[in-house]
């Protein structure tokens, strides 16, 4: 889905991803739900999503 997305708006349209910007010390990063409590935190180089950097994959809120 990330590869097919042309802009962040495309990711917001897929409700199952629960795509959203993060706040605080993670401002500028976005969260994408993978499965259950697992999430992927990403940053984008530009609005066209030409480069996506995976910052972290983790179980959100612990085990």
N, C-alpha and C. Protein backbone atom coordinates (compact mmCIF):
# COMPACT_ATOMS: atom_id res chain seq x y z
N UNK A 1 0.82 -1.19 0.00
CA UNK A 1 0.00 0.00 0.00
C UNK A 1 0.86 1.25 0.00
N UNK A 2 1.97 1.20 0.74
CA UNK A 2 2.86 2.37 0.76
C UNK A 2 3.42 2.66 -0.63
N UNK A 3 3.79 1.62 -1.32
CA UNK A 3 4.37 1.79 -2.65
C UNK A 3 3.35 2.35 -3.63
N UNK A 4 2.11 1.96 -3.49
CA UNK A 4 1.05 2.41 -4.41
C UNK A 4 0.55 3.81 -4.08
N UNK A 5 0.74 4.25 -2.84
CA UNK A 5 0.22 5.56 -2.41
C UNK A 5 0.96 6.69 -3.12
N UNK A 6 0.22 7.65 -3.59
CA UNK A 6 0.79 8.83 -4.25
C UNK A 6 0.92 10.00 -3.27
N UNK A 7 0.14 9.94 -2.17
CA UNK A 7 0.17 10.98 -1.15
C UNK A 7 -0.36 10.38 0.16
N UNK A 8 -0.11 11.07 1.25
CA UNK A 8 -0.56 10.59 2.56
C UNK A 8 -2.08 10.43 2.60
N UNK A 9 -2.81 11.24 1.86
CA UNK A 9 -4.27 11.13 1.82
C UNK A 9 -4.71 9.74 1.38
N UNK A 10 -3.95 9.09 0.52
CA UNK A 10 -4.28 7.73 0.07
C UNK A 10 -4.23 6.75 1.24
N UNK A 11 -3.34 6.97 2.18
CA UNK A 11 -3.22 6.07 3.34
C UNK A 11 -4.32 6.33 4.36
N UNK A 12 -4.74 7.58 4.50
CA UNK A 12 -5.86 7.89 5.41
C UNK A 12 -7.14 7.19 4.97
N UNK A 13 -7.30 6.95 3.69
CA UNK A 13 -8.53 6.35 3.15
C UNK A 13 -8.67 4.87 3.50
N UNK A 14 -7.59 4.21 3.91
CA UNK A 14 -7.63 2.79 4.27
C UNK A 14 -7.78 2.71 5.79
N UNK A 15 -9.01 2.56 6.24
CA UNK A 15 -9.31 2.61 7.68
C UNK A 15 -8.51 1.58 8.48
N UNK A 16 -8.28 0.40 7.93
CA UNK A 16 -7.58 -0.66 8.66
C UNK A 16 -6.15 -0.28 9.02
N UNK A 17 -5.55 0.65 8.30
CA UNK A 17 -4.17 1.07 8.60
C UNK A 17 -4.09 1.96 9.83
N UNK A 18 -5.18 2.62 10.16
CA UNK A 18 -5.22 3.57 11.28
C UNK A 18 -4.05 4.56 11.18
N UNK A 19 -3.79 5.00 9.97
CA UNK A 19 -2.69 5.91 9.66
C UNK A 19 -2.93 7.26 10.33
N UNK A 20 -1.92 7.75 11.05
CA UNK A 20 -2.06 9.05 11.70
C UNK A 20 -0.69 9.63 12.05
N UNK A 21 -0.62 10.97 12.11
CA UNK A 21 0.63 11.60 12.52
C UNK A 21 0.84 11.44 14.02
N UNK A 22 2.10 11.38 14.42
CA UNK A 22 2.43 11.27 15.83
C UNK A 22 2.74 12.66 16.40
N UNK A 23 2.72 12.74 17.72
CA UNK A 23 2.91 14.03 18.40
C UNK A 23 4.15 13.99 19.29
N UNK A 24 4.42 15.10 19.94
CA UNK A 24 5.51 15.18 20.90
C UNK A 24 6.86 14.97 20.26
N UNK A 25 7.69 14.10 20.88
CA UNK A 25 9.03 13.87 20.36
C UNK A 25 9.04 13.07 19.07
N UNK A 26 7.89 12.59 18.66
CA UNK A 26 7.77 11.86 17.38
C UNK A 26 7.08 12.70 16.30
N UNK A 27 6.96 14.00 16.54
CA UNK A 27 6.35 14.89 15.55
C UNK A 27 7.11 14.76 14.23
N UNK A 28 6.38 14.70 13.13
CA UNK A 28 6.99 14.51 11.82
C UNK A 28 6.99 13.05 11.38
N UNK A 29 6.62 12.16 12.30
CA UNK A 29 6.51 10.74 11.99
C UNK A 29 5.05 10.34 11.94
N UNK A 30 4.77 9.20 11.30
CA UNK A 30 3.41 8.70 11.18
C UNK A 30 3.37 7.24 11.61
N UNK A 31 2.23 6.81 12.13
CA UNK A 31 2.04 5.44 12.56
C UNK A 31 1.09 4.72 11.61
N UNK A 32 1.41 3.47 11.33
CA UNK A 32 0.57 2.60 10.50
C UNK A 32 0.39 1.30 11.26
N UNK A 33 -0.85 0.87 11.47
CA UNK A 33 -1.12 -0.39 12.14
C UNK A 33 -0.83 -1.54 11.18
N UNK A 34 -0.06 -2.52 11.66
CA UNK A 34 0.26 -3.69 10.84
C UNK A 34 -0.71 -4.83 11.12
N UNK A 35 -0.70 -5.33 12.34
CA UNK A 35 -1.63 -6.38 12.76
C UNK A 35 -1.73 -6.33 14.29
N UNK A 36 -2.94 -6.50 14.79
CA UNK A 36 -3.18 -6.42 16.23
C UNK A 36 -2.58 -5.14 16.81
N UNK A 37 -1.66 -5.27 17.75
CA UNK A 37 -1.06 -4.10 18.40
C UNK A 37 0.26 -3.69 17.75
N UNK A 38 0.66 -4.36 16.69
CA UNK A 38 1.92 -4.04 16.03
C UNK A 38 1.74 -2.83 15.13
N UNK A 39 2.72 -1.92 15.21
CA UNK A 39 2.66 -0.73 14.38
C UNK A 39 4.02 -0.46 13.74
N UNK A 40 3.98 0.26 12.66
CA UNK A 40 5.18 0.70 11.98
C UNK A 40 5.19 2.22 12.02
N UNK A 41 6.31 2.79 12.44
CA UNK A 41 6.47 4.24 12.48
C UNK A 41 7.35 4.63 11.29
N UNK A 42 6.85 5.58 10.50
CA UNK A 42 7.56 5.98 9.29
C UNK A 42 7.71 7.50 9.21
N UNK A 43 8.67 7.93 8.43
CA UNK A 43 8.79 9.34 8.05
C UNK A 43 8.85 9.39 6.53
N UNK A 44 8.41 10.50 5.98
CA UNK A 44 8.39 10.70 4.53
C UNK A 44 9.32 11.86 4.19
N UNK A 45 10.08 11.70 3.12
CA UNK A 45 10.98 12.78 2.70
C UNK A 45 10.21 13.94 2.09
N UNK A 46 9.09 13.63 1.42
CA UNK A 46 8.31 14.68 0.77
C UNK A 46 6.84 14.28 0.70
N UNK A 47 5.99 15.19 0.26
CA UNK A 47 4.55 14.94 0.19
C UNK A 47 4.18 13.88 -0.84
N UNK A 48 5.05 13.62 -1.81
CA UNK A 48 4.77 12.62 -2.85
C UNK A 48 5.12 11.21 -2.39
N UNK A 49 5.63 11.07 -1.18
CA UNK A 49 6.01 9.78 -0.60
C UNK A 49 7.03 9.04 -1.46
N UNK A 50 7.93 9.77 -2.09
CA UNK A 50 8.93 9.12 -2.94
C UNK A 50 9.95 8.33 -2.14
N UNK A 51 10.20 8.75 -0.89
CA UNK A 51 11.10 8.01 -0.01
C UNK A 51 10.41 7.87 1.34
N UNK A 52 10.27 6.61 1.78
CA UNK A 52 9.67 6.31 3.08
C UNK A 52 10.73 5.65 3.94
N UNK A 53 10.95 6.19 5.10
CA UNK A 53 11.93 5.61 6.03
C UNK A 53 11.19 4.93 7.16
N UNK A 54 11.45 3.65 7.35
CA UNK A 54 10.85 2.92 8.47
C UNK A 54 11.70 3.19 9.70
N UNK A 55 11.11 3.86 10.67
CA UNK A 55 11.81 4.22 11.90
C UNK A 55 11.76 3.10 12.94
N UNK A 56 10.63 2.37 12.97
CA UNK A 56 10.44 1.39 14.03
C UNK A 56 9.28 0.48 13.68
N UNK A 57 9.39 -0.78 14.07
CA UNK A 57 8.26 -1.71 14.07
C UNK A 57 8.22 -2.29 15.46
N UNK A 58 7.09 -2.11 16.15
CA UNK A 58 7.02 -2.53 17.55
C UNK A 58 5.60 -2.86 17.96
N UNK A 59 5.51 -3.56 19.10
CA UNK A 59 4.22 -3.83 19.72
C UNK A 59 3.85 -2.57 20.50
N UNK A 60 2.85 -1.87 20.04
CA UNK A 60 2.44 -0.62 20.67
C UNK A 60 1.85 -0.90 22.03
N UNK A 61 2.20 -0.12 23.03
CA UNK A 61 1.75 -0.28 24.42
C UNK A 61 2.23 -1.60 25.02
N UNK A 62 3.41 -2.04 24.65
CA UNK A 62 3.99 -3.25 25.27
C UNK A 62 3.43 -4.54 24.73
N UNK A 63 3.49 -5.59 25.56
CA UNK A 63 3.07 -6.91 25.07
C UNK A 63 1.61 -6.95 25.06
